Amino acid sequence: MVLCSKMLINKILLECHDNIYSGHWSEDRKMERIKTCAWLPSCTKDVIEYCHSCDRFQKANKATCKRFGLMIHIQEPSTPWEVVHMDWVTALPPGGDKSYNACLVIVDRYSKTPIFLPCHKDDTAMDTDLLIWNRVISHTVLFKNIISDRDSKFTSALCTNLHRLLGTKLSFSTEYHPQTDGLPERMIQTLEDMIG
């Protein structure tokens, strides 16, 4: 292994990156190759800068997935029922006089108060909106923000238009990231523990 001066750094990077046998691989692979034969004082920084200045590298190492969006902090409410979380529990045994087999869980973000509304798995978006209106909104206040997963009952045109008319903002969590909607997920776990 050779300790390199600044004069040799560009020669090494040129040889390890632009040589026809080297290829335009990722920065990590390039650093591994350089570290086997030489030690550069600022190897990581130099390799990243060199790779990002190479047009062929940029084309060969394009991202294979969508760019991540910006994280948005959920603003804490100042009063009860201003912001609520909603989620479904659908794997329940039939129960009650109407053989309910699902439950809509609504949790107030301010007070952490849950509401469990028995319903059916095959309820439509209209059934869901009527259930929320008759059993929750008529007894509390109109929500300013509803946070839920991307269930078709919440993302339907009927639901989004209704909440737009009411002045309620619908916020949807990112797919496969239940952490955003963690409050109802925890309440669902408690409900399942109580039932089962």
N, C-alpha and C. Protein backbone atom coordinates (compact mmCIF):
# COMPACT_ATOMS: atom_id res chain seq x y z
N MET A 1 0.85 -1.17 0.00
CA MET A 1 0.00 0.00 0.00
C MET A 1 0.90 1.24 0.00
N VAL A 2 0.47 2.25 -0.73
CA VAL A 2 1.26 3.46 -0.91
C VAL A 2 0.50 4.65 -0.35
N LEU A 3 1.19 5.49 0.43
CA LEU A 3 0.62 6.74 0.90
C LEU A 3 0.79 7.75 -0.22
N CYS A 4 -0.31 8.34 -0.66
CA CYS A 4 -0.26 9.20 -1.86
C CYS A 4 -0.27 10.67 -1.52
N SER A 5 0.43 11.41 -2.32
CA SER A 5 0.42 12.86 -2.21
C SER A 5 -0.73 13.38 -3.07
N LYS A 6 -0.99 14.65 -2.96
CA LYS A 6 -2.08 15.27 -3.72
C LYS A 6 -1.85 15.16 -5.23
N MET A 7 -0.57 15.14 -5.65
CA MET A 7 -0.28 15.08 -7.09
C MET A 7 -0.73 13.74 -7.69
N LEU A 8 -0.63 12.69 -6.91
CA LEU A 8 -0.96 11.36 -7.44
C LEU A 8 -2.44 11.03 -7.34
N ILE A 9 -3.16 11.77 -6.55
CA ILE A 9 -4.58 11.45 -6.33
C ILE A 9 -5.36 11.42 -7.64
N ASN A 10 -5.20 12.46 -8.47
CA ASN A 10 -5.93 12.50 -9.74
C ASN A 10 -5.52 11.37 -10.66
N LYS A 11 -4.24 11.00 -10.67
CA LYS A 11 -3.79 9.88 -11.50
C LYS A 11 -4.43 8.57 -11.04
N ILE A 12 -4.50 8.37 -9.73
CA ILE A 12 -5.11 7.14 -9.19
C ILE A 12 -6.59 7.10 -9.52
N LEU A 13 -7.28 8.23 -9.31
CA LEU A 13 -8.71 8.29 -9.60
C LEU A 13 -8.96 8.07 -11.10
N LEU A 14 -8.13 8.65 -11.93
CA LEU A 14 -8.25 8.47 -13.38
C LEU A 14 -8.08 7.00 -13.74
N GLU A 15 -7.07 6.36 -13.15
CA GLU A 15 -6.78 4.95 -13.45
C GLU A 15 -7.90 4.02 -12.92
N CYS A 16 -8.39 4.32 -11.75
CA CYS A 16 -9.41 3.45 -11.14
C CYS A 16 -10.83 3.74 -11.63
N HIS A 17 -11.01 4.85 -12.29
CA HIS A 17 -12.36 5.20 -12.71
C HIS A 17 -12.51 5.24 -14.23
N ASP A 18 -11.62 5.91 -14.90
CA ASP A 18 -11.77 6.12 -16.34
C ASP A 18 -11.12 5.06 -17.21
N ASN A 19 -10.33 4.22 -16.63
CA ASN A 19 -9.70 3.15 -17.39
C ASN A 19 -10.78 2.24 -17.96
N ILE A 20 -10.57 1.76 -19.19
CA ILE A 20 -11.56 0.93 -19.87
C ILE A 20 -11.89 -0.33 -19.08
N TYR A 21 -10.94 -0.85 -18.31
CA TYR A 21 -11.16 -2.07 -17.53
C TYR A 21 -11.78 -1.80 -16.16
N SER A 22 -11.86 -0.54 -15.76
CA SER A 22 -12.37 -0.20 -14.43
C SER A 22 -13.89 -0.08 -14.39
N GLY A 23 -14.47 0.40 -15.44
CA GLY A 23 -15.92 0.60 -15.45
C GLY A 23 -16.31 1.80 -14.62
N HIS A 24 -17.53 2.17 -14.73
CA HIS A 24 -18.04 3.33 -13.97
C HIS A 24 -18.94 2.83 -12.86
N TRP A 25 -18.33 2.12 -11.91
CA TRP A 25 -19.07 1.51 -10.82
C TRP A 25 -19.44 2.53 -9.75
N SER A 26 -20.10 2.02 -8.73
CA SER A 26 -20.54 2.88 -7.63
C SER A 26 -19.35 3.42 -6.85
N GLU A 27 -19.60 4.45 -6.08
CA GLU A 27 -18.54 5.09 -5.27
C GLU A 27 -17.95 4.09 -4.27
N ASP A 28 -18.79 3.28 -3.64
CA ASP A 28 -18.32 2.30 -2.65
C ASP A 28 -17.35 1.30 -3.29
N ARG A 29 -17.73 0.81 -4.43
CA ARG A 29 -16.87 -0.17 -5.12
C ARG A 29 -15.55 0.46 -5.55
N LYS A 30 -15.63 1.69 -5.96
CA LYS A 30 -14.43 2.42 -6.37
C LYS A 30 -13.49 2.62 -5.18
N MET A 31 -14.06 2.98 -4.02
CA MET A 31 -13.23 3.19 -2.82
C MET A 31 -12.57 1.88 -2.38
N GLU A 32 -13.31 0.78 -2.45
CA GLU A 32 -12.72 -0.52 -2.10
C GLU A 32 -11.51 -0.82 -2.99
N ARG A 33 -11.64 -0.53 -4.27
CA ARG A 33 -10.54 -0.80 -5.21
C ARG A 33 -9.32 0.06 -4.91
N ILE A 34 -9.55 1.33 -4.62
CA ILE A 34 -8.44 2.24 -4.33
C ILE A 34 -7.75 1.84 -3.04
N LYS A 35 -8.52 1.47 -2.02
CA LYS A 35 -7.94 1.13 -0.71
C LYS A 35 -7.06 -0.12 -0.74
N THR A 36 -7.20 -0.95 -1.76
CA THR A 36 -6.34 -2.14 -1.85
C THR A 36 -4.92 -1.81 -2.30
N CYS A 37 -4.76 -0.66 -2.99
CA CYS A 37 -3.42 -0.34 -3.49
C CYS A 37 -2.86 0.97 -2.97
N ALA A 38 -3.70 1.87 -2.47
CA ALA A 38 -3.19 3.18 -2.04
C ALA A 38 -4.04 3.72 -0.89
N TRP A 39 -3.46 4.65 -0.16
CA TRP A 39 -4.21 5.31 0.90
C TRP A 39 -4.23 6.79 0.61
N LEU A 40 -5.44 7.33 0.44
CA LEU A 40 -5.60 8.76 0.20
C LEU A 40 -6.11 9.41 1.48
N PRO A 41 -5.55 10.54 1.86
CA PRO A 41 -5.98 11.18 3.11
C PRO A 41 -7.48 11.49 3.16
N SER A 42 -8.04 11.86 2.04
CA SER A 42 -9.48 12.17 2.00
C SER A 42 -10.14 11.33 0.90
N CYS A 43 -9.95 10.03 0.99
CA CYS A 43 -10.39 9.09 -0.04
C CYS A 43 -11.88 9.21 -0.36
N THR A 44 -12.72 9.14 0.65
CA THR A 44 -14.17 9.17 0.42
C THR A 44 -14.60 10.44 -0.29
N LYS A 45 -14.16 11.57 0.21
CA LYS A 45 -14.53 12.87 -0.37
C LYS A 45 -14.02 12.98 -1.80
N ASP A 46 -12.77 12.59 -2.03
CA ASP A 46 -12.19 12.68 -3.37
C ASP A 46 -12.90 11.79 -4.38
N VAL A 47 -13.21 10.57 -3.97
CA VAL A 47 -13.88 9.63 -4.87
C VAL A 47 -15.29 10.13 -5.21
N ILE A 48 -16.02 10.60 -4.21
CA ILE A 48 -17.38 11.11 -4.46
C ILE A 48 -17.34 12.30 -5.40
N GLU A 49 -16.45 13.24 -5.17
CA GLU A 49 -16.34 14.42 -6.04
C GLU A 49 -15.98 14.01 -7.46
N TYR A 50 -15.02 13.09 -7.59
CA TYR A 50 -14.57 12.66 -8.91
C TYR A 50 -15.71 11.94 -9.65
N CYS A 51 -16.38 11.03 -8.97
CA CYS A 51 -17.48 10.29 -9.60
C CYS A 51 -18.62 11.21 -10.03
N HIS A 52 -18.94 12.17 -9.19
CA HIS A 52 -20.05 13.07 -9.52
C HIS A 52 -19.69 14.06 -10.62
N SER A 53 -18.43 14.23 -10.91
CA SER A 53 -18.03 15.10 -12.02
C SER A 53 -17.98 14.33 -13.35
N CYS A 54 -18.15 13.00 -13.30
CA CYS A 54 -18.07 12.15 -14.49
C CYS A 54 -19.46 11.94 -15.09
N ASP A 55 -19.62 12.36 -16.33
CA ASP A 55 -20.90 12.26 -17.01
C ASP A 55 -21.33 10.79 -17.21
N ARG A 56 -20.38 9.94 -17.62
CA ARG A 56 -20.69 8.52 -17.83
C ARG A 56 -21.10 7.83 -16.53
N PHE A 57 -20.47 8.21 -15.42
CA PHE A 57 -20.83 7.65 -14.12
C PHE A 57 -22.27 8.01 -13.77
N GLN A 58 -22.64 9.27 -14.01
CA GLN A 58 -24.00 9.73 -13.69
C GLN A 58 -25.04 8.95 -14.48
N LYS A 59 -24.73 8.66 -15.76
CA LYS A 59 -25.68 7.91 -16.59
C LYS A 59 -25.72 6.44 -16.20
N ALA A 60 -24.59 5.86 -15.88
CA ALA A 60 -24.52 4.44 -15.55
C ALA A 60 -25.07 4.12 -14.17
N ASN A 61 -25.01 5.05 -13.25
CA ASN A 61 -25.44 4.81 -11.86
C ASN A 61 -26.66 5.63 -11.48
N LYS A 62 -27.65 5.63 -12.36
CA LYS A 62 -28.87 6.37 -12.06
C LYS A 62 -29.67 5.62 -10.99
N ALA A 63 -30.49 6.35 -10.29
CA ALA A 63 -31.29 5.77 -9.21
C ALA A 63 -32.30 4.79 -9.79
N THR A 64 -32.50 3.67 -9.11
CA THR A 64 -33.45 2.65 -9.58
C THR A 64 -34.77 2.72 -8.83
N CYS A 65 -34.89 3.65 -7.90
CA CYS A 65 -36.15 3.80 -7.18
C CYS A 65 -36.52 5.28 -7.15
N LYS A 66 -37.76 5.54 -6.78
CA LYS A 66 -38.22 6.92 -6.69
C LYS A 66 -37.45 7.65 -5.60
N ARG A 67 -37.28 8.94 -5.79
CA ARG A 67 -36.65 9.74 -4.75
C ARG A 67 -37.60 9.86 -3.57
N PHE A 68 -37.05 9.87 -2.39
CA PHE A 68 -37.86 10.00 -1.19
C PHE A 68 -38.40 11.42 -1.10
N GLY A 69 -39.64 11.55 -0.67
CA GLY A 69 -40.21 12.87 -0.47
C GLY A 69 -39.71 13.48 0.83
N LEU A 70 -40.03 14.73 1.01
CA LEU A 70 -39.63 15.40 2.24
C LEU A 70 -40.50 14.92 3.40
N MET A 71 -39.87 14.73 4.53
CA MET A 71 -40.63 14.35 5.71
C MET A 71 -41.41 15.57 6.20
N ILE A 72 -42.65 15.34 6.53
CA ILE A 72 -43.50 16.42 7.02
C ILE A 72 -43.89 16.11 8.45
N HIS A 73 -43.62 17.04 9.33
CA HIS A 73 -43.96 16.86 10.74
C HIS A 73 -45.45 17.09 10.92
N ILE A 74 -46.08 16.21 11.66
CA ILE A 74 -47.51 16.35 11.93
C ILE A 74 -47.66 17.36 13.06
N GLN A 75 -48.33 18.45 12.77
CA GLN A 75 -48.48 19.51 13.75
C GLN A 75 -49.37 19.04 14.90
N GLU A 76 -48.93 19.32 16.10
CA GLU A 76 -49.70 18.93 17.29
C GLU A 76 -50.94 19.81 17.41
N PRO A 77 -52.10 19.21 17.66
CA PRO A 77 -53.33 19.99 17.79
C PRO A 77 -53.37 20.77 19.10
N SER A 78 -54.18 21.81 19.12
CA SER A 78 -54.29 22.63 20.33
C SER A 78 -55.59 22.34 21.09
N THR A 79 -56.52 21.63 20.45
CA THR A 79 -57.78 21.28 21.11
C THR A 79 -58.16 19.84 20.76
N PRO A 80 -59.01 19.21 21.59
CA PRO A 80 -59.45 17.85 21.28
C PRO A 80 -60.24 17.78 19.97
N TRP A 81 -60.14 16.67 19.28
CA TRP A 81 -60.84 16.33 18.05
C TRP A 81 -60.52 17.25 16.88
N GLU A 82 -59.43 17.98 16.99
CA GLU A 82 -58.97 18.82 15.88
C GLU A 82 -58.28 17.94 14.83
N VAL A 83 -57.43 17.02 15.29
CA VAL A 83 -56.72 16.08 14.43
C VAL A 83 -57.02 14.67 14.93
N VAL A 84 -57.47 13.81 14.02
CA VAL A 84 -57.76 12.42 14.39
C VAL A 84 -57.03 11.47 13.45
N HIS A 85 -56.77 10.28 13.95
CA HIS A 85 -56.20 9.19 13.16
C HIS A 85 -57.30 8.16 12.96
N MET A 86 -57.35 7.56 11.77
CA MET A 86 -58.34 6.53 11.51
C MET A 86 -57.67 5.32 10.87
N ASP A 87 -58.15 4.14 11.24
CA ASP A 87 -57.65 2.90 10.64
C ASP A 87 -58.70 1.82 10.82
N TRP A 88 -58.56 0.75 10.05
CA TRP A 88 -59.50 -0.37 10.08
C TRP A 88 -58.90 -1.60 10.73
N VAL A 89 -59.74 -2.34 11.42
CA VAL A 89 -59.40 -3.69 11.86
C VAL A 89 -60.41 -4.57 11.14
N THR A 90 -59.93 -5.49 10.31
CA THR A 90 -60.86 -6.29 9.52
C THR A 90 -60.84 -7.77 9.88
N ALA A 91 -59.86 -8.23 10.60
CA ALA A 91 -59.75 -9.66 10.92
C ALA A 91 -60.38 -9.98 12.28
N LEU A 92 -61.64 -9.62 12.42
CA LEU A 92 -62.33 -9.87 13.69
C LEU A 92 -63.39 -10.96 13.52
N PRO A 93 -63.63 -11.74 14.57
CA PRO A 93 -64.71 -12.73 14.48
C PRO A 93 -66.05 -12.00 14.51
N PRO A 94 -67.06 -12.52 13.78
CA PRO A 94 -68.38 -11.86 13.78
C PRO A 94 -68.95 -11.78 15.19
N GLY A 95 -69.56 -10.65 15.48
CA GLY A 95 -70.13 -10.46 16.80
C GLY A 95 -71.22 -9.41 16.79
N GLY A 96 -71.99 -9.37 17.84
CA GLY A 96 -73.07 -8.39 17.96
C GLY A 96 -74.32 -8.84 17.23
N ASP A 97 -75.40 -8.07 17.39
CA ASP A 97 -76.68 -8.44 16.78
C ASP A 97 -76.65 -8.35 15.25
N LYS A 98 -75.73 -7.58 14.68
CA LYS A 98 -75.63 -7.45 13.22
C LYS A 98 -74.42 -8.20 12.65
N SER A 99 -73.82 -9.06 13.45
CA SER A 99 -72.64 -9.85 13.04
C SER A 99 -71.54 -8.98 12.44
N TYR A 100 -71.16 -7.96 13.20
CA TYR A 100 -70.07 -7.09 12.77
C TYR A 100 -68.78 -7.90 12.69
N ASN A 101 -68.00 -7.67 11.64
CA ASN A 101 -66.73 -8.40 11.49
C ASN A 101 -65.54 -7.47 11.26
N ALA A 102 -65.73 -6.19 11.49
CA ALA A 102 -64.66 -5.21 11.34
C ALA A 102 -64.89 -4.08 12.34
N CYS A 103 -63.90 -3.22 12.44
CA CYS A 103 -64.01 -2.10 13.37
C CYS A 103 -63.24 -0.91 12.82
N LEU A 104 -63.87 0.25 12.83
CA LEU A 104 -63.19 1.48 12.45
C LEU A 104 -62.67 2.11 13.74
N VAL A 105 -61.36 2.33 13.78
CA VAL A 105 -60.73 2.90 14.97
C VAL A 105 -60.42 4.37 14.69
N ILE A 106 -60.94 5.25 15.53
CA ILE A 106 -60.68 6.68 15.43
C ILE A 106 -60.03 7.11 16.74
N VAL A 107 -58.88 7.78 16.63
CA VAL A 107 -58.16 8.20 17.84
C VAL A 107 -57.89 9.71 17.76
N ASP A 108 -58.29 10.41 18.81
CA ASP A 108 -58.01 11.85 18.90
C ASP A 108 -56.53 12.04 19.21
N ARG A 109 -55.85 12.81 18.40
CA ARG A 109 -54.41 13.01 18.59
C ARG A 109 -54.10 13.82 19.85
N TYR A 110 -54.99 14.71 20.24
CA TYR A 110 -54.75 15.57 21.39
C TYR A 110 -54.89 14.81 22.72
N SER A 111 -56.02 14.13 22.90
CA SER A 111 -56.28 13.46 24.19
C SER A 111 -55.97 11.97 24.16
N LYS A 112 -55.68 11.43 22.96
CA LYS A 112 -55.42 9.99 22.77
C LYS A 112 -56.66 9.15 23.07
N THR A 113 -57.84 9.75 23.02
CA THR A 113 -59.08 9.05 23.27
C THR A 113 -59.47 8.25 22.03
N PRO A 114 -59.69 6.93 22.20
CA PRO A 114 -60.09 6.14 21.04
C PRO A 114 -61.62 5.99 20.95
N ILE A 115 -62.09 5.82 19.72
CA ILE A 115 -63.47 5.45 19.48
C ILE A 115 -63.43 4.22 18.59
N PHE A 116 -64.11 3.17 19.00
CA PHE A 116 -64.17 1.92 18.23
C PHE A 116 -65.57 1.78 17.66
N LEU A 117 -65.69 1.82 16.34
CA LEU A 117 -67.00 1.72 15.70
C LEU A 117 -67.14 0.38 15.00
N PRO A 118 -68.03 -0.49 15.48
CA PRO A 118 -68.22 -1.78 14.81
C PRO A 118 -68.84 -1.58 13.43
N CYS A 119 -68.39 -2.36 12.47
CA CYS A 119 -68.89 -2.25 11.10
C CYS A 119 -68.64 -3.57 10.37
N HIS A 120 -68.83 -3.56 9.07
CA HIS A 120 -68.61 -4.76 8.25
C HIS A 120 -67.45 -4.54 7.30
N LYS A 121 -66.72 -5.63 7.00
CA LYS A 121 -65.58 -5.55 6.08
C LYS A 121 -65.95 -4.98 4.72
N ASP A 122 -67.12 -5.34 4.25
CA ASP A 122 -67.52 -4.93 2.90
C ASP A 122 -68.29 -3.60 2.86
N ASP A 123 -68.24 -2.81 3.92
CA ASP A 123 -68.86 -1.48 3.91
C ASP A 123 -68.22 -0.63 2.82
N THR A 124 -69.02 0.20 2.17
CA THR A 124 -68.53 1.08 1.11
C THR A 124 -68.01 2.39 1.71
N ALA A 125 -67.50 3.24 0.84
CA ALA A 125 -67.03 4.56 1.28
C ALA A 125 -68.19 5.37 1.84
N MET A 126 -69.37 5.24 1.21
CA MET A 126 -70.55 5.98 1.70
C MET A 126 -70.96 5.47 3.09
N ASP A 127 -70.93 4.15 3.28
CA ASP A 127 -71.24 3.58 4.60
C ASP A 127 -70.27 4.12 5.65
N THR A 128 -69.00 4.21 5.28
CA THR A 128 -67.98 4.70 6.20
C THR A 128 -68.23 6.17 6.55
N ASP A 129 -68.52 6.99 5.54
CA ASP A 129 -68.78 8.41 5.79
C ASP A 129 -70.01 8.60 6.68
N LEU A 130 -71.07 7.83 6.41
CA LEU A 130 -72.28 7.92 7.25
C LEU A 130 -72.00 7.48 8.68
N LEU A 131 -71.21 6.43 8.83
CA LEU A 131 -70.85 5.95 10.17
C LEU A 131 -70.08 7.03 10.95
N ILE A 132 -69.10 7.64 10.30
CA ILE A 132 -68.31 8.70 10.94
C ILE A 132 -69.21 9.89 11.28
N TRP A 133 -70.08 10.26 10.35
CA TRP A 133 -70.95 11.42 10.57
C TRP A 133 -71.94 11.16 11.71
N ASN A 134 -72.63 10.02 11.66
CA ASN A 134 -73.68 9.73 12.64
C ASN A 134 -73.16 9.40 14.03
N ARG A 135 -72.01 8.74 14.10
CA ARG A 135 -71.55 8.23 15.39
C ARG A 135 -70.45 9.09 16.03
N VAL A 136 -69.79 9.96 15.24
CA VAL A 136 -68.68 10.72 15.81
C VAL A 136 -68.87 12.22 15.64
N ILE A 137 -68.94 12.69 14.40
CA ILE A 137 -68.97 14.14 14.16
C ILE A 137 -70.21 14.78 14.78
N SER A 138 -71.35 14.09 14.76
CA SER A 138 -72.57 14.67 15.34
C SER A 138 -72.47 14.82 16.86
N HIS A 139 -71.54 14.10 17.51
CA HIS A 139 -71.38 14.18 18.97
C HIS A 139 -70.15 14.97 19.41
N THR A 140 -69.27 15.27 18.47
CA THR A 140 -68.06 16.05 18.80
C THR A 140 -68.06 17.29 17.92
N VAL A 141 -66.89 17.68 17.44
CA VAL A 141 -66.78 18.81 16.53
C VAL A 141 -66.29 18.29 15.18
N LEU A 142 -66.34 19.14 14.18
CA LEU A 142 -65.85 18.77 12.86
C LEU A 142 -64.33 18.73 12.89
N PHE A 143 -63.75 17.64 12.44
CA PHE A 143 -62.29 17.50 12.45
C PHE A 143 -61.65 18.48 11.46
N LYS A 144 -60.47 18.98 11.80
CA LYS A 144 -59.72 19.82 10.86
C LYS A 144 -58.81 18.97 9.97
N ASN A 145 -58.32 17.85 10.55
CA ASN A 145 -57.40 16.99 9.80
C ASN A 145 -57.64 15.53 10.18
N ILE A 146 -57.71 14.68 9.15
CA ILE A 146 -57.85 13.24 9.36
C ILE A 146 -56.61 12.57 8.78
N ILE A 147 -55.91 11.81 9.60
CA ILE A 147 -54.72 11.09 9.15
C ILE A 147 -55.09 9.61 9.06
N SER A 148 -54.87 9.02 7.90
CA SER A 148 -55.21 7.61 7.74
C SER A 148 -54.26 6.96 6.74
N ASP A 149 -54.38 5.63 6.64
CA ASP A 149 -53.62 4.94 5.61
C ASP A 149 -54.35 5.13 4.27
N ARG A 150 -53.85 4.53 3.25
CA ARG A 150 -54.41 4.73 1.91
C ARG A 150 -55.50 3.72 1.57
N ASP A 151 -56.36 3.45 2.52
CA ASP A 151 -57.48 2.54 2.29
C ASP A 151 -58.41 3.16 1.25
N SER A 152 -58.98 2.33 0.38
CA SER A 152 -59.84 2.84 -0.70
C SER A 152 -61.08 3.56 -0.16
N LYS A 153 -61.49 3.21 1.07
CA LYS A 153 -62.66 3.89 1.65
C LYS A 153 -62.34 5.34 2.02
N PHE A 154 -61.05 5.62 2.30
CA PHE A 154 -60.65 6.99 2.64
C PHE A 154 -60.19 7.77 1.41
N THR A 155 -59.70 7.08 0.38
CA THR A 155 -59.16 7.77 -0.79
C THR A 155 -60.19 7.90 -1.91
N SER A 156 -61.40 7.36 -1.72
CA SER A 156 -62.42 7.41 -2.78
C SER A 156 -62.82 8.85 -3.08
N ALA A 157 -63.32 9.05 -4.27
CA ALA A 157 -63.76 10.39 -4.69
C ALA A 157 -64.86 10.91 -3.78
N LEU A 158 -65.78 10.03 -3.38
CA LEU A 158 -66.87 10.43 -2.50
C LEU A 158 -66.33 10.98 -1.18
N CYS A 159 -65.42 10.23 -0.59
CA CYS A 159 -64.86 10.63 0.70
C CYS A 159 -64.06 11.93 0.59
N THR A 160 -63.20 12.03 -0.42
CA THR A 160 -62.38 13.23 -0.56
C THR A 160 -63.23 14.46 -0.87
N ASN A 161 -64.27 14.30 -1.70
CA ASN A 161 -65.15 15.43 -2.01
C ASN A 161 -65.95 15.86 -0.79
N LEU A 162 -66.46 14.89 -0.03
CA LEU A 162 -67.21 15.21 1.18
C LEU A 162 -66.35 15.99 2.17
N HIS A 163 -65.14 15.53 2.41
CA HIS A 163 -64.28 16.21 3.38
C HIS A 163 -63.79 17.55 2.86
N ARG A 164 -63.66 17.69 1.55
CA ARG A 164 -63.30 18.98 0.98
C ARG A 164 -64.43 19.98 1.24
N LEU A 165 -65.69 19.54 1.04
CA LEU A 165 -66.84 20.41 1.30
C LEU A 165 -66.94 20.79 2.77
N LEU A 166 -66.59 19.86 3.66
CA LEU A 166 -66.65 20.12 5.10
C LEU A 166 -65.45 20.93 5.60
N GLY A 167 -64.43 21.06 4.76
CA GLY A 167 -63.24 21.81 5.16
C GLY A 167 -62.25 20.98 5.96
N THR A 168 -62.36 19.67 5.85
CA THR A 168 -61.45 18.76 6.56
C THR A 168 -60.32 18.36 5.63
N LYS A 169 -59.11 18.42 6.13
CA LYS A 169 -57.95 18.02 5.34
C LYS A 169 -57.70 16.52 5.55
N LEU A 170 -57.54 15.79 4.46
CA LEU A 170 -57.21 14.37 4.54
C LEU A 170 -55.72 14.20 4.32
N SER A 171 -55.04 13.60 5.26
CA SER A 171 -53.60 13.33 5.15
C SER A 171 -53.42 11.82 5.15
N PHE A 172 -52.68 11.33 4.15
CA PHE A 172 -52.48 9.89 4.03
C PHE A 172 -51.05 9.52 4.36
N SER A 173 -50.90 8.42 5.07
CA SER A 173 -49.56 7.96 5.41
C SER A 173 -48.91 7.32 4.19
N THR A 174 -47.60 7.24 4.22
CA THR A 174 -46.85 6.62 3.14
C THR A 174 -47.09 5.12 3.16
N GLU A 175 -47.18 4.52 1.97
CA GLU A 175 -47.41 3.08 1.89
C GLU A 175 -46.30 2.31 2.59
N TYR A 176 -46.69 1.25 3.26
CA TYR A 176 -45.78 0.34 3.96
C TYR A 176 -44.97 1.01 5.06
N HIS A 177 -45.47 2.14 5.59
CA HIS A 177 -44.81 2.82 6.71
C HIS A 177 -45.86 3.12 7.78
N PRO A 178 -46.25 2.13 8.56
CA PRO A 178 -47.30 2.35 9.56
C PRO A 178 -46.87 3.28 10.69
N GLN A 179 -45.58 3.67 10.75
CA GLN A 179 -45.12 4.55 11.82
C GLN A 179 -45.87 5.88 11.79
N THR A 180 -46.23 6.36 10.59
CA THR A 180 -46.94 7.62 10.46
C THR A 180 -48.27 7.55 11.18
N ASP A 181 -48.89 6.40 11.09
CA ASP A 181 -50.21 6.22 11.66
C ASP A 181 -50.13 5.33 12.89
N GLY A 182 -49.12 5.53 13.70
CA GLY A 182 -48.83 4.66 14.83
C GLY A 182 -49.86 4.69 15.95
N LEU A 183 -50.52 5.82 16.13
CA LEU A 183 -51.51 5.95 17.21
C LEU A 183 -52.65 4.95 17.07
N PRO A 184 -53.33 4.86 15.92
CA PRO A 184 -54.38 3.84 15.82
C PRO A 184 -53.83 2.42 15.79
N GLU A 185 -52.61 2.25 15.24
CA GLU A 185 -52.01 0.91 15.22
C GLU A 185 -51.85 0.38 16.65
N ARG A 186 -51.44 1.24 17.56
CA ARG A 186 -51.29 0.84 18.96
C ARG A 186 -52.65 0.54 19.59
N MET A 187 -53.66 1.36 19.26
CA MET A 187 -55.00 1.13 19.78
C MET A 187 -55.57 -0.18 19.23
N ILE A 188 -55.28 -0.49 17.97
CA ILE A 188 -55.73 -1.74 17.36
C ILE A 188 -55.12 -2.93 18.09
N GLN A 189 -53.83 -2.80 18.42
CA GLN A 189 -53.16 -3.87 19.16
C GLN A 189 -53.84 -4.09 20.51
N THR A 190 -54.18 -3.01 21.19
CA THR A 190 -54.87 -3.10 22.48
C THR A 190 -56.25 -3.74 22.30
N LEU A 191 -56.97 -3.34 21.26
CA LEU A 191 -58.29 -3.92 20.99
C LEU A 191 -58.19 -5.42 20.72
N GLU A 192 -57.22 -5.82 19.92
CA GLU A 192 -57.04 -7.25 19.62
C GLU A 192 -56.66 -8.04 20.87
N ASP A 193 -55.87 -7.42 21.75
CA ASP A 193 -55.52 -8.08 23.03
C ASP A 193 -56.77 -8.27 23.90
N MET A 194 -57.66 -7.26 23.90
CA MET A 194 -58.87 -7.33 24.71
C MET A 194 -59.83 -8.39 24.17
N ILE A 195 -59.92 -8.50 22.85
CA ILE A 195 -60.84 -9.45 22.22
C ILE A 195 -60.31 -10.88 22.31
N GLY A 196 -59.03 -11.03 21.99
CA GLY A 196 -58.49 -12.38 21.84
C GLY A 196 -57.81 -12.88 23.01
